[in-house]
């Protein structure tokens, strides 16, 4: 599966050190799609990040790895909820791996968004857990 925003880091103005930089790369892992995210998810990158990730929804489990995120602003929180909403609407399951990344965990917890998302510390369990409602 190709990088989602490898050539132009989600419209973040590659080469300009003052413009937020975000890179996403997707890979197939068995019956799942894993999206690795690195950089900043803010007002400059959030909409394109959300759109790039949701374009990959195809009914399979999607796991979005946020361990490499260096900043998560309010627009980024909205993008994560948008990804979750589009996954639910399409019948897919989306999970987010946060590891010990306090840059991600803190805003998710403070705002209550953490209660709205399936969060995992590691990729393995996110891939292995059965889908909600599965017998």
C-alpha atoms as a PDB file:
ATOM      1  CA  UNK A   1       0.000   0.000   0.000  1.00  0.00           C
ATOM      2  CA  UNK A   2       1.510   3.398  -0.907  1.00  0.00           C
ATOM      3  CA  UNK A   3       2.371   6.196   1.471  1.00  0.00           C
ATOM      4  CA  UNK A   4      -0.670   8.386   2.037  1.00  0.00           C
ATOM      5  CA  UNK A   5       1.215  11.682   1.992  1.00  0.00           C
ATOM      6  CA  UNK A   6       4.807  10.666   1.370  1.00  0.00           C
ATOM      7  CA  UNK A   7       5.692  13.103  -1.412  1.00  0.00           C
ATOM      8  CA  UNK A   8       3.848  16.154  -0.084  1.00  0.00           C
ATOM      9  CA  UNK A   9       3.486  15.687   3.664  1.00  0.00           C
ATOM     10  CA  UNK A  10      -0.261  16.237   3.718  1.00  0.00           C
ATOM     11  CA  UNK A  11       0.055  19.684   2.175  1.00  0.00           C
ATOM     12  CA  UNK A  12       2.283  20.851   4.976  1.00  0.00           C
ATOM     13  CA  UNK A  13       4.728  22.768   2.824  1.00  0.00           C
ATOM     14  CA  UNK A  14       7.718  20.450   2.727  1.00  0.00           C
ATOM     15  CA  UNK A  15      10.955  22.329   3.037  1.00  0.00           C
ATOM     16  CA  UNK A  16       9.569  25.233   5.049  1.00  0.00           C
ATOM     17  CA  UNK A  17      10.784  24.754   8.636  1.00  0.00           C
ATOM     18  CA  UNK A  18       8.029  27.021   9.991  1.00  0.00           C
ATOM     19  CA  UNK A  19       5.114  25.100   8.487  1.00  0.00           C
ATOM     20  CA  UNK A  20       3.868  22.048  10.412  1.00  0.00           C
ATOM     21  CA  UNK A  21       4.999  18.771   8.915  1.00  0.00           C
ATOM     22  CA  UNK A  22       2.944  15.609   8.877  1.00  0.00           C
ATOM     23  CA  UNK A  23       3.671  12.300   7.233  1.00  0.00           C
ATOM     24  CA  UNK A  24       1.413   9.273   7.056  1.00  0.00           C
ATOM     25  CA  UNK A  25       2.336   5.873   5.675  1.00  0.00           C
ATOM     26  CA  UNK A  26      -0.060   2.977   5.255  1.00  0.00           C
ATOM     27  CA  UNK A  27       0.606  -0.735   5.105  1.00  0.00           C
ATOM     28  CA  UNK A  28      -1.521  -3.848   4.900  1.00  0.00           C
ATOM     29  CA  UNK A  29      -1.168  -6.183   7.885  1.00  0.00           C
ATOM     30  CA  UNK A  30      -3.214  -9.320   7.340  1.00  0.00           C
ATOM     31  CA  UNK A  31      -6.858  -8.276   7.401  1.00  0.00           C
ATOM     32  CA  UNK A  32      -6.041  -4.753   8.627  1.00  0.00           C
ATOM     33  CA  UNK A  33      -4.709  -1.455   7.357  1.00  0.00           C
ATOM     34  CA  UNK A  34      -2.113   0.184   9.610  1.00  0.00           C
ATOM     35  CA  UNK A  35      -1.465   3.908   9.216  1.00  0.00           C
ATOM     36  CA  UNK A  36       1.687   5.303  10.861  1.00  0.00           C
ATOM     37  CA  UNK A  37       1.539   9.025  11.614  1.00  0.00           C
ATOM     38  CA  UNK A  38       4.543  11.262  12.292  1.00  0.00           C
ATOM     39  CA  UNK A  39       4.582  15.007  12.899  1.00  0.00           C
ATOM     40  CA  UNK A  40       1.993  17.577  13.888  1.00  0.00           C
ATOM     41  CA  UNK A  41      -1.779  17.302  13.565  1.00  0.00           C
ATOM     42  CA  UNK A  42      -3.076  20.842  13.805  1.00  0.00           C
ATOM     43  CA  UNK A  43      -5.149  23.396  11.875  1.00  0.00           C
ATOM     44  CA  UNK A  44      -2.689  23.286   8.966  1.00  0.00           C
ATOM     45  CA  UNK A  45      -2.671  19.501   8.535  1.00  0.00           C
ATOM     46  CA  UNK A  46      -5.811  18.075  10.181  1.00  0.00           C
ATOM     47  CA  UNK A  47      -8.300  18.124   7.293  1.00  0.00           C
ATOM     48  CA  UNK A  48      -5.931  16.602   4.783  1.00  0.00           C
ATOM     49  CA  UNK A  49      -4.812  14.040   7.392  1.00  0.00           C
ATOM     50  CA  UNK A  50      -8.441  13.057   8.056  1.00  0.00           C
ATOM     51  CA  UNK A  51      -9.234  12.816   4.346  1.00  0.00           C
ATOM     52  CA  UNK A  52      -6.084  10.844   3.528  1.00  0.00           C
ATOM     53  CA  UNK A  53      -6.789   8.304   6.265  1.00  0.00           C
ATOM     54  CA  UNK A  54     -10.502   7.946   5.541  1.00  0.00           C
ATOM     55  CA  UNK A  55      -9.766   7.305   1.838  1.00  0.00           C
ATOM     56  CA  UNK A  56      -8.162   4.055   3.022  1.00  0.00           C
ATOM     57  CA  UNK A  57     -11.311   2.804   4.772  1.00  0.00           C
ATOM     58  CA  UNK A  58     -12.498  -0.300   2.987  1.00  0.00           C
ATOM     59  CA  UNK A  59     -14.398  -2.241   5.641  1.00  0.00           C
ATOM     60  CA  UNK A  60     -11.276  -3.791   7.161  1.00  0.00           C
ATOM     61  CA  UNK A  61      -9.929  -2.996  10.578  1.00  0.00           C
ATOM     62  CA  UNK A  62      -7.892   0.208  10.512  1.00  0.00           C
ATOM     63  CA  UNK A  63      -5.251   0.946  13.129  1.00  0.00           C
ATOM     64  CA  UNK A  64      -3.845   4.478  13.255  1.00  0.00           C
ATOM     65  CA  UNK A  65      -0.492   4.618  15.065  1.00  0.00           C
ATOM     66  CA  UNK A  66      -0.023   8.021  16.755  1.00  0.00           C
ATOM     67  CA  UNK A  67       3.199   7.253  18.642  1.00  0.00           C
ATOM     68  CA  UNK A  68       5.212   9.532  16.313  1.00  0.00           C
ATOM     69  CA  UNK A  69       2.897  12.538  16.641  1.00  0.00           C
ATOM     70  CA  UNK A  70       4.740  15.592  17.991  1.00  0.00           C
ATOM     71  CA  UNK A  71       1.684  17.862  18.408  1.00  0.00           C
ATOM     72  CA  UNK A  72      -2.067  17.241  18.591  1.00  0.00           C
ATOM     73  CA  UNK A  73      -4.217  20.374  18.534  1.00  0.00           C
ATOM     74  CA  UNK A  74      -7.974  20.826  18.667  1.00  0.00           C
ATOM     75  CA  UNK A  75      -8.248  20.443  14.878  1.00  0.00           C
ATOM     76  CA  UNK A  76      -6.363  17.162  15.251  1.00  0.00           C
ATOM     77  CA  UNK A  77      -8.806  15.968  17.894  1.00  0.00           C
ATOM     78  CA  UNK A  78     -11.666  16.784  15.536  1.00  0.00           C
ATOM     79  CA  UNK A  79      -9.868  14.902  12.749  1.00  0.00           C
ATOM     80  CA  UNK A  80      -9.560  11.784  14.928  1.00  0.00           C
ATOM     81  CA  UNK A  81     -13.274  11.935  15.718  1.00  0.00           C
ATOM     82  CA  UNK A  82     -14.011  12.462  12.020  1.00  0.00           C
ATOM     83  CA  UNK A  83     -11.990   9.372  11.147  1.00  0.00           C
ATOM     84  CA  UNK A  84     -13.899   7.399  13.782  1.00  0.00           C
ATOM     85  CA  UNK A  85     -17.266   8.687  12.488  1.00  0.00           C
ATOM     86  CA  UNK A  86     -16.478   7.827   8.869  1.00  0.00           C
ATOM     87  CA  UNK A  87     -15.265   4.373   9.912  1.00  0.00           C
ATOM     88  CA  UNK A  88     -18.495   3.696  11.810  1.00  0.00           C
ATOM     89  CA  UNK A  89     -20.585   4.955   8.877  1.00  0.00           C
ATOM     90  CA  UNK A  90     -18.750   2.619   6.511  1.00  0.00           C
ATOM     91  CA  UNK A  91     -18.990  -0.393   8.830  1.00  0.00           C
ATOM     92  CA  UNK A  92     -15.274  -0.417   9.595  1.00  0.00           C
ATOM     93  CA  UNK A  93     -13.529  -0.501  12.953  1.00  0.00           C
ATOM     94  CA  UNK A  94     -10.796   2.032  13.680  1.00  0.00           C
ATOM     95  CA  UNK A  95      -8.376   1.874  16.590  1.00  0.00           C
ATOM     96  CA  UNK A  96      -5.673   4.304  17.661  1.00  0.00           C
ATOM     97  CA  UNK A  97      -2.299   3.328  19.128  1.00  0.00           C
ATOM     98  CA  UNK A  98      -0.948   6.036  21.424  1.00  0.00           C
ATOM     99  CA  UNK A  99       1.780   4.187  23.317  1.00  0.00           C
ATOM    100  CA  UNK A 100       3.167   6.421  26.033  1.00  0.00           C
ATOM    101  CA  UNK A 101       2.968   9.547  23.866  1.00  0.00           C
ATOM    102  CA  UNK A 102       1.865  12.226  26.328  1.00  0.00           C
ATOM    103  CA  UNK A 103       1.604  14.767  23.503  1.00  0.00           C
ATOM    104  CA  UNK A 104      -1.350  12.703  22.260  1.00  0.00           C
ATOM    105  CA  UNK A 105      -2.670  11.252  25.512  1.00  0.00           C
ATOM    106  CA  UNK A 106      -2.941  14.575  27.362  1.00  0.00           C
ATOM    107  CA  UNK A 107      -5.310  16.399  24.964  1.00  0.00           C
ATOM    108  CA  UNK A 108      -7.332  13.222  24.429  1.00  0.00           C
ATOM    109  CA  UNK A 109      -7.805  12.850  28.184  1.00  0.00           C
ATOM    110  CA  UNK A 110      -8.377  16.511  29.067  1.00  0.00           C
ATOM    111  CA  UNK A 111     -11.065  16.940  26.404  1.00  0.00           C
ATOM    112  CA  UNK A 112     -12.784  13.607  27.025  1.00  0.00           C
ATOM    113  CA  UNK A 113     -12.120  12.461  23.460  1.00  0.00           C
ATOM    114  CA  UNK A 114     -10.275   9.441  24.893  1.00  0.00           C
ATOM    115  CA  UNK A 115     -13.668   8.039  25.949  1.00  0.00           C
ATOM    116  CA  UNK A 116     -14.876   8.258  22.340  1.00  0.00           C
ATOM    117  CA  UNK A 117     -12.044   6.319  20.690  1.00  0.00           C
ATOM    118  CA  UNK A 118     -10.620   2.803  20.918  1.00  0.00           C
ATOM    119  CA  UNK A 119      -7.137   3.527  22.314  1.00  0.00           C
ATOM    120  CA  UNK A 120      -4.291   1.041  22.641  1.00  0.00           C
ATOM    121  CA  UNK A 121      -0.771   1.226  24.025  1.00  0.00           C
ATOM    122  CA  UNK A 122       0.683  -1.169  21.447  1.00  0.00           C
ATOM    123  CA  UNK A 123       0.038  -2.218  17.867  1.00  0.00           C
ATOM    124  CA  UNK A 124      -0.154  -5.978  18.563  1.00  0.00           C
ATOM    125  CA  UNK A 125      -3.237  -5.901  20.807  1.00  0.00           C
ATOM    126  CA  UNK A 126      -4.941  -3.379  18.511  1.00  0.00           C
ATOM    127  CA  UNK A 127      -4.568  -5.841  15.648  1.00  0.00           C
ATOM    128  CA  UNK A 128      -5.497  -8.943  17.670  1.00  0.00           C
ATOM    129  CA  UNK A 129      -8.557  -7.817  19.659  1.00  0.00           C
ATOM    130  CA  UNK A 130     -11.816  -9.038  18.164  1.00  0.00           C
ATOM    131  CA  UNK A 131     -14.107  -6.461  16.599  1.00  0.00           C
ATOM    132  CA  UNK A 132     -16.815  -5.088  18.906  1.00  0.00           C
ATOM    133  CA  UNK A 133     -19.815  -7.382  18.789  1.00  0.00           C
ATOM    134  CA  UNK A 134     -17.830 -10.308  17.382  1.00  0.00           C
ATOM    135  CA  UNK A 135     -18.578 -13.657  18.951  1.00  0.00           C
END
